[in-house]
Amino acid sequence: MSSTAREHDDTVPQGTTLLPRDLTPAQLKAAPVLASVDSLVIDELTDEEYDAFVAALRS
């Protein structure tokens, strides 16, 4: 491990980036806010994909 790698204590170990972790108050304040669930809608979805997407959002 290089000295540069050790300087980044806020990084997440490789392979765990999709796992939830506690955010610091500063990170939480800086996190993006979704104004509307409609922002997640993807125009190119088939009807079946759209129905599955909506069902997943509601669960």
Protein backbone atom coordinates (compact mmCIF):
# COMPACT_ATOMS: atom_id res chain seq x y z
CA MET A 1 0.00 0.00 0.00
CA SER A 2 1.44 3.37 -0.94
CA SER A 3 1.51 6.35 1.37
CA THR A 4 -1.02 8.05 -0.94
CA ALA A 5 -3.50 5.22 -0.38
CA ARG A 6 -3.18 5.59 3.38
CA GLU A 7 -4.07 9.28 3.17
CA HIS A 8 -7.63 8.53 2.04
CA ASP A 9 -9.32 7.35 5.24
CA ASP A 10 -12.79 8.28 3.90
CA THR A 11 -12.68 5.70 1.11
CA VAL A 12 -14.67 2.50 1.19
CA PRO A 13 -12.85 -0.82 0.76
CA GLN A 14 -12.97 -2.15 -2.80
CA GLY A 15 -16.07 -4.23 -3.49
CA THR A 16 -18.19 -2.64 -0.76
CA THR A 17 -19.17 0.62 -2.48
CA LEU A 18 -22.78 -0.48 -2.90
CA LEU A 19 -23.19 -1.42 0.75
CA PRO A 20 -24.89 1.11 3.04
CA ARG A 21 -22.67 2.93 5.50
CA ASP A 22 -23.15 5.65 8.08
CA LEU A 23 -22.65 9.13 6.73
CA THR A 24 -21.01 11.90 8.67
CA PRO A 25 -23.23 14.93 9.31
CA ALA A 26 -21.29 16.84 6.62
CA GLN A 27 -21.74 14.03 4.08
CA LEU A 28 -25.45 13.79 4.86
CA LYS A 29 -25.89 17.54 4.44
CA ALA A 30 -24.03 17.44 1.09
CA ALA A 31 -25.94 14.41 -0.22
CA PRO A 32 -28.16 14.99 -3.24
CA VAL A 33 -31.89 15.12 -2.60
CA LEU A 34 -34.38 13.60 -4.99
CA ALA A 35 -37.08 16.21 -5.55
CA SER A 36 -39.55 13.72 -6.96
CA VAL A 37 -39.79 9.99 -7.58
CA ASP A 38 -40.80 10.97 -11.12
CA SER A 39 -37.15 11.88 -11.67
CA LEU A 40 -36.39 8.16 -11.64
CA VAL A 41 -38.67 7.35 -14.55
CA ILE A 42 -36.82 5.94 -17.56
CA ASP A 43 -38.53 6.71 -20.86
CA GLU A 44 -37.25 3.66 -22.78
CA LEU A 45 -38.85 1.01 -20.53
CA THR A 46 -41.33 -1.47 -21.90
CA ASP A 47 -44.74 -1.60 -20.21
CA GLU A 48 -43.68 -4.70 -18.28
CA GLU A 49 -40.42 -3.10 -17.15
CA TYR A 50 -42.26 0.08 -16.13
CA ASP A 51 -44.80 -1.91 -14.09
CA ALA A 52 -41.99 -3.81 -12.36
CA PHE A 53 -40.14 -0.55 -11.68
CA VAL A 54 -43.20 1.10 -10.14
CA ALA A 55 -43.87 -2.00 -8.04
CA ALA A 56 -40.28 -1.92 -6.76
CA LEU A 57 -40.60 1.77 -5.82
CA ARG A 58 -43.76 1.06 -3.86
CA SER A 59 -42.30 -1.86 -1.93
